[in-house]
Amino acid sequence: MREFDRNKLQQVLHVGVQALHLSLSDTQLSQLLDYLALLAKWNSVYNLTAVRDPMQMVTQHLLDSLAVLPAFAHAHNILDVGAGGGLPGIVLAIARPDMRVSLIDTVHKKTAFLTQVKAELHLANVQVYTGRVEQLQVPQKFDVITSRAFADLSDFVSWSGHLLQEQGCFIAMKGIAPDAEIARLPAPWQVVKVSALQVPDLHAERHLVFIQRREPQ
């Protein structure tokens, strides 16, 4: 990205962050743009995202991921499943350096990119895994497991439920409210809330689906 482009992107990002009522430092905003630059650079070879225009990336990737930040206010140790190019995981890690963020994807070129981002942006709170989430084993389970347009909700919870703490929560990022997927959720999982999101300058529906284990009767 040319310096002129970066200045323009920074302005759009700053306005969007203000519209979301988030408090991010100049360092964090700079890190987000550094991440975007890496994403745009690697995308030309690795095809990490269908969005090619950096200005659209600010809205459809950065602001879209930042819009979910309040939902993670009480999270300490999260897993991003099917992390792809690092959305929302890398954005959350930058915005919440106090939170441990693990990302997993089956595609090695994607996790190679995530590992490079971790190194170049000095993200000490990030851990990257390559492989299938249903085979992942970790010493400490996660209090929140998230995904962004990853899979059907029933597959999402079935594949990664063994990694969630007893009182933990799934937070799935979806476009339109996935009523049919919610109806197919297997026991003991239940939706406790569906929240509509407003993303600045994004004229498309966005929803968060919160899923927890049903308490035994």
C-alpha atoms as a PDB file:
ATOM      1  CA  MET A   1       0.000   0.000   0.000  1.00  0.00           C
ATOM      2  CA  ARG A   2       1.258   3.463  -0.883  1.00  0.00           C
ATOM      3  CA  GLU A   3       1.596   5.973   1.951  1.00  0.00           C
ATOM      4  CA  PHE A   4      -1.217   8.049   0.438  1.00  0.00           C
ATOM      5  CA  ASP A   5      -3.479   5.013   0.508  1.00  0.00           C
ATOM      6  CA  ARG A   6      -2.546   4.288   4.114  1.00  0.00           C
ATOM      7  CA  ASN A   7      -3.481   7.804   5.190  1.00  0.00           C
ATOM      8  CA  LYS A   8      -6.860   7.445   3.527  1.00  0.00           C
ATOM      9  CA  LEU A   9      -7.430   4.007   5.049  1.00  0.00           C
ATOM     10  CA  GLN A  10      -6.422   5.306   8.461  1.00  0.00           C
ATOM     11  CA  GLN A  11      -9.011   8.065   8.217  1.00  0.00           C
ATOM     12  CA  VAL A  12     -11.796   5.633   7.317  1.00  0.00           C
ATOM     13  CA  LEU A  13     -10.730   3.243  10.083  1.00  0.00           C
ATOM     14  CA  HIS A  14     -10.598   6.060  12.653  1.00  0.00           C
ATOM     15  CA  VAL A  15     -14.100   7.275  11.727  1.00  0.00           C
ATOM     16  CA  GLY A  16     -15.431   3.706  11.855  1.00  0.00           C
ATOM     17  CA  VAL A  17     -13.888   3.023  15.273  1.00  0.00           C
ATOM     18  CA  GLN A  18     -15.476   6.225  16.598  1.00  0.00           C
ATOM     19  CA  ALA A  19     -18.852   5.184  15.179  1.00  0.00           C
ATOM     20  CA  LEU A  20     -18.518   1.854  17.029  1.00  0.00           C
ATOM     21  CA  HIS A  21     -17.733   3.780  20.253  1.00  0.00           C
ATOM     22  CA  LEU A  22     -14.498   1.856  20.751  1.00  0.00           C
ATOM     23  CA  SER A  23     -11.377   3.130  22.453  1.00  0.00           C
ATOM     24  CA  LEU A  24      -8.264   2.079  20.541  1.00  0.00           C
ATOM     25  CA  SER A  25      -4.826   3.655  20.790  1.00  0.00           C
ATOM     26  CA  ASP A  26      -2.886   5.070  17.843  1.00  0.00           C
ATOM     27  CA  THR A  27      -0.577   2.062  18.179  1.00  0.00           C
ATOM     28  CA  GLN A  28      -3.509  -0.348  17.857  1.00  0.00           C
ATOM     29  CA  LEU A  29      -4.896   1.498  14.845  1.00  0.00           C
ATOM     30  CA  SER A  30      -1.452   1.352  13.248  1.00  0.00           C
ATOM     31  CA  GLN A  31      -1.232  -2.396  13.970  1.00  0.00           C
ATOM     32  CA  LEU A  32      -4.618  -2.940  12.320  1.00  0.00           C
ATOM     33  CA  LEU A  33      -3.394  -1.162   9.188  1.00  0.00           C
ATOM     34  CA  ASP A  34      -0.124  -3.130   9.274  1.00  0.00           C
ATOM     35  CA  TYR A  35      -2.209  -6.308   9.422  1.00  0.00           C
ATOM     36  CA  LEU A  36      -4.333  -5.085   6.516  1.00  0.00           C
ATOM     37  CA  ALA A  37      -1.185  -4.374   4.482  1.00  0.00           C
ATOM     38  CA  LEU A  38       0.074  -7.917   5.117  1.00  0.00           C
ATOM     39  CA  LEU A  39      -3.329  -9.354   4.217  1.00  0.00           C
ATOM     40  CA  ALA A  40      -3.387  -7.428   0.937  1.00  0.00           C
ATOM     41  CA  LYS A  41       0.205  -8.430   0.150  1.00  0.00           C
ATOM     42  CA  TRP A  42      -0.204 -12.145   0.867  1.00  0.00           C
ATOM     43  CA  ASN A  43      -3.647 -12.231  -0.743  1.00  0.00           C
ATOM     44  CA  SER A  44      -2.165 -11.741  -4.201  1.00  0.00           C
ATOM     45  CA  VAL A  45      -0.437 -15.122  -3.890  1.00  0.00           C
ATOM     46  CA  TYR A  46      -2.356 -17.055  -1.224  1.00  0.00           C
ATOM     47  CA  ASN A  47      -5.947 -15.994  -2.010  1.00  0.00           C
ATOM     48  CA  LEU A  48      -6.836 -15.406   1.651  1.00  0.00           C
ATOM     49  CA  THR A  49      -9.916 -13.290   0.943  1.00  0.00           C
ATOM     50  CA  ALA A  50     -12.168 -12.532  -2.010  1.00  0.00           C
ATOM     51  CA  VAL A  51     -12.082  -8.844  -1.071  1.00  0.00           C
ATOM     52  CA  ARG A  52      -9.245  -7.228  -3.039  1.00  0.00           C
ATOM     53  CA  ASP A  53      -9.749  -3.503  -2.520  1.00  0.00           C
ATOM     54  CA  PRO A  54      -8.007  -2.265   0.683  1.00  0.00           C
ATOM     55  CA  MET A  55     -10.753   0.311   1.314  1.00  0.00           C
ATOM     56  CA  GLN A  56     -13.376  -2.448   1.243  1.00  0.00           C
ATOM     57  CA  MET A  57     -11.133  -4.519   3.511  1.00  0.00           C
ATOM     58  CA  VAL A  58     -11.316  -1.779   6.152  1.00  0.00           C
ATOM     59  CA  THR A  59     -15.102  -2.021   6.240  1.00  0.00           C
ATOM     60  CA  GLN A  60     -15.733  -5.680   5.461  1.00  0.00           C
ATOM     61  CA  HIS A  61     -12.862  -7.079   7.534  1.00  0.00           C
ATOM     62  CA  LEU A  62     -11.532  -4.644  10.162  1.00  0.00           C
ATOM     63  CA  LEU A  63     -14.718  -2.825  11.148  1.00  0.00           C
ATOM     64  CA  ASP A  64     -16.799  -5.992  10.749  1.00  0.00           C
ATOM     65  CA  SER A  65     -14.525  -7.759  13.243  1.00  0.00           C
ATOM     66  CA  LEU A  66     -14.234  -4.769  15.579  1.00  0.00           C
ATOM     67  CA  ALA A  67     -18.038  -4.546  15.779  1.00  0.00           C
ATOM     68  CA  VAL A  68     -18.078  -7.808  17.764  1.00  0.00           C
ATOM     69  CA  LEU A  69     -15.562  -6.576  20.349  1.00  0.00           C
ATOM     70  CA  PRO A  70     -18.129  -5.679  23.074  1.00  0.00           C
ATOM     71  CA  ALA A  71     -19.387  -9.292  23.001  1.00  0.00           C
ATOM     72  CA  PHE A  72     -15.921 -10.403  24.164  1.00  0.00           C
ATOM     73  CA  ALA A  73     -15.735  -7.924  27.053  1.00  0.00           C
ATOM     74  CA  HIS A  74     -15.455 -10.664  29.679  1.00  0.00           C
ATOM     75  CA  ALA A  75     -13.453 -13.160  27.612  1.00  0.00           C
ATOM     76  CA  HIS A  76      -9.918 -14.104  28.634  1.00  0.00           C
ATOM     77  CA  ASN A  77      -8.993 -17.107  26.492  1.00  0.00           C
ATOM     78  CA  ILE A  78     -10.639 -17.513  23.083  1.00  0.00           C
ATOM     79  CA  LEU A  79     -10.377 -19.773  20.052  1.00  0.00           C
ATOM     80  CA  ASP A  80     -11.103 -18.645  16.480  1.00  0.00           C
ATOM     81  CA  VAL A  81     -12.130 -21.719  14.460  1.00  0.00           C
ATOM     82  CA  GLY A  82     -11.573 -21.753  10.704  1.00  0.00           C
ATOM     83  CA  ALA A  83      -9.530 -18.608  11.208  1.00  0.00           C
ATOM     84  CA  GLY A  84      -8.577 -18.204   7.530  1.00  0.00           C
ATOM     85  CA  GLY A  85      -6.841 -14.863   7.128  1.00  0.00           C
ATOM     86  CA  GLY A  86      -7.268 -14.019  10.814  1.00  0.00           C
ATOM     87  CA  LEU A  87     -10.782 -12.655  11.075  1.00  0.00           C
ATOM     88  CA  PRO A  88     -11.904 -11.977  13.699  1.00  0.00           C
ATOM     89  CA  GLY A  89      -9.014 -13.516  15.702  1.00  0.00           C
ATOM     90  CA  ILE A  90      -6.129 -11.228  14.738  1.00  0.00           C
ATOM     91  CA  VAL A  91      -8.309  -8.114  14.989  1.00  0.00           C
ATOM     92  CA  LEU A  92      -9.485  -9.169  18.464  1.00  0.00           C
ATOM     93  CA  ALA A  93      -5.892  -9.885  19.523  1.00  0.00           C
ATOM     94  CA  ILE A  94      -4.814  -6.391  18.486  1.00  0.00           C
ATOM     95  CA  ALA A  95      -7.797  -4.704  20.134  1.00  0.00           C
ATOM     96  CA  ARG A  96      -7.526  -6.776  23.339  1.00  0.00           C
ATOM     97  CA  PRO A  97      -3.823  -7.437  24.087  1.00  0.00           C
ATOM     98  CA  ASP A  98      -4.867  -8.690  27.548  1.00  0.00           C
ATOM     99  CA  MET A  99      -6.826 -11.558  25.970  1.00  0.00           C
ATOM    100  CA  ARG A 100      -5.271 -14.828  24.808  1.00  0.00           C
ATOM    101  CA  VAL A 101      -6.312 -15.589  21.227  1.00  0.00           C
ATOM    102  CA  SER A 102      -5.761 -18.955  19.563  1.00  0.00           C
ATOM    103  CA  LEU A 103      -6.493 -19.465  15.870  1.00  0.00           C
ATOM    104  CA  ILE A 104      -6.887 -22.754  14.049  1.00  0.00           C
ATOM    105  CA  ASP A 105      -7.264 -23.609  10.364  1.00  0.00           C
ATOM    106  CA  THR A 106      -6.725 -26.781   8.338  1.00  0.00           C
ATOM    107  CA  VAL A 107      -5.003 -24.931   5.475  1.00  0.00           C
ATOM    108  CA  HIS A 108      -1.262 -24.604   6.033  1.00  0.00           C
ATOM    109  CA  LYS A 109      -0.792 -21.538   3.815  1.00  0.00           C
ATOM    110  CA  LYS A 110      -3.351 -19.685   5.932  1.00  0.00           C
ATOM    111  CA  THR A 111      -1.712 -20.601   9.229  1.00  0.00           C
ATOM    112  CA  ALA A 112       1.672 -19.708   7.718  1.00  0.00           C
ATOM    113  CA  PHE A 113       0.258 -16.245   7.067  1.00  0.00           C
ATOM    114  CA  LEU A 114      -1.136 -16.015  10.610  1.00  0.00           C
ATOM    115  CA  THR A 115       2.238 -17.025  12.035  1.00  0.00           C
ATOM    116  CA  GLN A 116       3.896 -14.308   9.953  1.00  0.00           C
ATOM    117  CA  VAL A 117       1.393 -11.728  11.211  1.00  0.00           C
ATOM    118  CA  LYS A 118       2.060 -12.792  14.807  1.00  0.00           C
ATOM    119  CA  ALA A 119       5.808 -12.338  14.270  1.00  0.00           C
ATOM    120  CA  GLU A 120       5.732  -9.041  12.364  1.00  0.00           C
ATOM    121  CA  LEU A 121       3.185  -7.373  14.662  1.00  0.00           C
ATOM    122  CA  HIS A 122       4.755  -8.834  17.841  1.00  0.00           C
ATOM    123  CA  LEU A 123       1.458 -10.310  19.029  1.00  0.00           C
ATOM    124  CA  ALA A 124       2.567 -12.163  22.140  1.00  0.00           C
ATOM    125  CA  ASN A 125      -1.044 -13.080  22.986  1.00  0.00           C
ATOM    126  CA  VAL A 126      -1.569 -15.116  19.783  1.00  0.00           C
ATOM    127  CA  GLN A 127      -1.227 -18.884  19.294  1.00  0.00           C
ATOM    128  CA  VAL A 128      -1.649 -20.500  15.856  1.00  0.00           C
ATOM    129  CA  TYR A 129      -2.641 -24.136  15.229  1.00  0.00           C
ATOM    130  CA  THR A 130      -2.743 -26.052  11.948  1.00  0.00           C
ATOM    131  CA  GLY A 131      -5.206 -28.945  11.757  1.00  0.00           C
ATOM    132  CA  ARG A 132      -8.792 -30.022  12.332  1.00  0.00           C
ATOM    133  CA  VAL A 133     -10.446 -28.488  15.359  1.00  0.00           C
ATOM    134  CA  GLU A 134     -12.093 -31.788  16.330  1.00  0.00           C
ATOM    135  CA  GLN A 135      -8.590 -33.246  16.834  1.00  0.00           C
ATOM    136  CA  LEU A 136      -7.188 -30.279  18.775  1.00  0.00           C
ATOM    137  CA  GLN A 137      -6.197 -30.836  22.397  1.00  0.00           C
ATOM    138  CA  VAL A 138      -5.158 -27.968  24.663  1.00  0.00           C
ATOM    139  CA  PRO A 139      -3.983 -27.802  28.294  1.00  0.00           C
ATOM    140  CA  GLN A 140      -6.585 -25.162  29.158  1.00  0.00           C
ATOM    141  CA  LYS A 141     -10.066 -25.040  27.651  1.00  0.00           C
ATOM    142  CA  PHE A 142     -11.462 -21.809  26.200  1.00  0.00           C
ATOM    143  CA  ASP A 143     -14.094 -19.578  27.768  1.00  0.00           C
ATOM    144  CA  VAL A 144     -15.209 -18.394  24.314  1.00  0.00           C
ATOM    145  CA  ILE A 145     -14.994 -20.143  20.930  1.00  0.00           C
ATOM    146  CA  THR A 146     -15.821 -18.042  17.891  1.00  0.00           C
ATOM    147  CA  SER A 147     -16.037 -18.351  14.111  1.00  0.00           C
ATOM    148  CA  ARG A 148     -16.831 -16.081  11.187  1.00  0.00           C
ATOM    149  CA  ALA A 149     -18.973 -17.680   8.485  1.00  0.00           C
ATOM    150  CA  PHE A 150     -17.191 -20.956   9.227  1.00  0.00           C
ATOM    151  CA  ALA A 151     -19.752 -23.761   9.107  1.00  0.00           C
ATOM    152  CA  ASP A 152     -23.279 -24.789   9.997  1.00  0.00           C
ATOM    153  CA  LEU A 153     -23.856 -24.097  13.703  1.00  0.00           C
ATOM    154  CA  SER A 154     -24.466 -27.790  14.446  1.00  0.00           C
ATOM    155  CA  ASP A 155     -21.089 -28.725  12.947  1.00  0.00           C
ATOM    156  CA  PHE A 156     -19.386 -25.809  14.693  1.00  0.00           C
ATOM    157  CA  VAL A 157     -20.481 -26.910  18.171  1.00  0.00           C
ATOM    158  CA  SER A 158     -20.077 -30.638  17.480  1.00  0.00           C
ATOM    159  CA  TRP A 159     -16.512 -30.271  16.187  1.00  0.00           C
ATOM    160  CA  SER A 160     -15.252 -27.884  18.873  1.00  0.00           C
ATOM    161  CA  GLY A 161     -17.486 -28.490  21.905  1.00  0.00           C
ATOM    162  CA  HIS A 162     -14.788 -30.545  23.646  1.00  0.00           C
ATOM    163  CA  LEU A 163     -12.615 -27.404  23.814  1.00  0.00           C
ATOM    164  CA  LEU A 164     -15.156 -25.189  25.586  1.00  0.00           C
ATOM    165  CA  GLN A 165     -15.123 -24.627  29.343  1.00  0.00           C
ATOM    166  CA  GLU A 166     -18.152 -25.890  31.276  1.00  0.00           C
ATOM    167  CA  GLN A 167     -19.666 -22.410  31.578  1.00  0.00           C
ATOM    168  CA  GLY A 168     -18.178 -21.196  28.288  1.00  0.00           C
ATOM    169  CA  CYS A 169     -19.938 -19.715  25.292  1.00  0.00           C
ATOM    170  CA  PHE A 170     -19.843 -20.050  21.522  1.00  0.00           C
ATOM    171  CA  ILE A 171     -20.109 -16.742  19.655  1.00  0.00           C
ATOM    172  CA  ALA A 172     -20.747 -17.341  15.953  1.00  0.00           C
ATOM    173  CA  MET A 173     -20.539 -14.476  13.460  1.00  0.00           C
ATOM    174  CA  LYS A 174     -23.216 -14.806  10.784  1.00  0.00           C
ATOM    175  CA  GLY A 175     -24.781 -12.702   8.043  1.00  0.00           C
ATOM    176  CA  ILE A 176     -28.556 -13.037   8.149  1.00  0.00           C
ATOM    177  CA  ALA A 177     -30.029 -14.619  11.292  1.00  0.00           C
ATOM    178  CA  PRO A 178     -29.525 -18.381  10.748  1.00  0.00           C
ATOM    179  CA  ASP A 179     -32.929 -19.610  11.937  1.00  0.00           C
ATOM    180  CA  ALA A 180     -32.700 -22.965  10.142  1.00  0.00           C
ATOM    181  CA  GLU A 181     -29.245 -23.649  11.582  1.00  0.00           C
ATOM    182  CA  ILE A 182     -30.463 -22.762  15.073  1.00  0.00           C
ATOM    183  CA  ALA A 183     -33.335 -25.247  14.705  1.00  0.00           C
ATOM    184  CA  ARG A 184     -30.837 -28.022  13.893  1.00  0.00           C
ATOM    185  CA  LEU A 185     -28.639 -27.505  16.972  1.00  0.00           C
ATOM    186  CA  PRO A 186     -28.027 -30.827  18.753  1.00  0.00           C
ATOM    187  CA  ALA A 187     -28.426 -31.365  22.486  1.00  0.00           C
ATOM    188  CA  PRO A 188     -27.126 -30.171  24.889  1.00  0.00           C
ATOM    189  CA  TRP A 189     -26.555 -26.903  23.028  1.00  0.00           C
ATOM    190  CA  GLN A 190     -28.995 -24.009  23.033  1.00  0.00           C
ATOM    191  CA  VAL A 191     -29.021 -20.473  21.662  1.00  0.00           C
ATOM    192  CA  VAL A 192     -29.176 -17.991  24.509  1.00  0.00           C
ATOM    193  CA  LYS A 193     -29.145 -14.826  22.387  1.00  0.00           C
ATOM    194  CA  VAL A 194     -29.053 -13.564  18.811  1.00  0.00           C
ATOM    195  CA  SER A 195     -27.797  -9.988  18.415  1.00  0.00           C
ATOM    196  CA  ALA A 196     -27.938  -7.820  15.295  1.00  0.00           C
ATOM    197  CA  LEU A 197     -24.758  -5.855  14.569  1.00  0.00           C
ATOM    198  CA  GLN A 198     -24.399  -2.464  12.948  1.00  0.00           C
ATOM    199  CA  VAL A 199     -21.136  -2.149  11.033  1.00  0.00           C
ATOM    200  CA  PRO A 200     -20.280   1.367   9.788  1.00  0.00           C
ATOM    201  CA  ASP A 201     -20.685   1.708   5.989  1.00  0.00           C
ATOM    202  CA  LEU A 202     -21.580  -1.970   5.605  1.00  0.00           C
ATOM    203  CA  HIS A 203     -24.974  -2.356   3.977  1.00  0.00           C
ATOM    204  CA  ALA A 204     -25.520  -5.996   4.845  1.00  0.00           C
ATOM    205  CA  GLU A 205     -26.998  -7.921   7.741  1.00  0.00           C
ATOM    206  CA  ARG A 206     -24.691  -9.128  10.501  1.00  0.00           C
ATOM    207  CA  HIS A 207     -25.665 -11.198  13.534  1.00  0.00           C
ATOM    208  CA  LEU A 208     -23.964 -12.774  16.510  1.00  0.00           C
ATOM    209  CA  VAL A 209     -25.311 -16.094  17.770  1.00  0.00           C
ATOM    210  CA  PHE A 210     -24.524 -16.978  21.395  1.00  0.00           C
ATOM    211  CA  ILE A 211     -24.670 -20.700  22.237  1.00  0.00           C
ATOM    212  CA  GLN A 212     -24.175 -22.438  25.587  1.00  0.00           C
ATOM    213  CA  ARG A 213     -24.708 -25.874  27.102  1.00  0.00           C
ATOM    214  CA  ARG A 214     -28.196 -26.421  28.422  1.00  0.00           C
ATOM    215  CA  GLU A 215     -28.151 -26.907  32.187  1.00  0.00           C
ATOM    216  CA  PRO A 216     -29.356 -30.373  33.314  1.00  0.00           C
ATOM    217  CA  GLN A 217     -32.896 -30.315  34.676  1.00  0.00           C
END
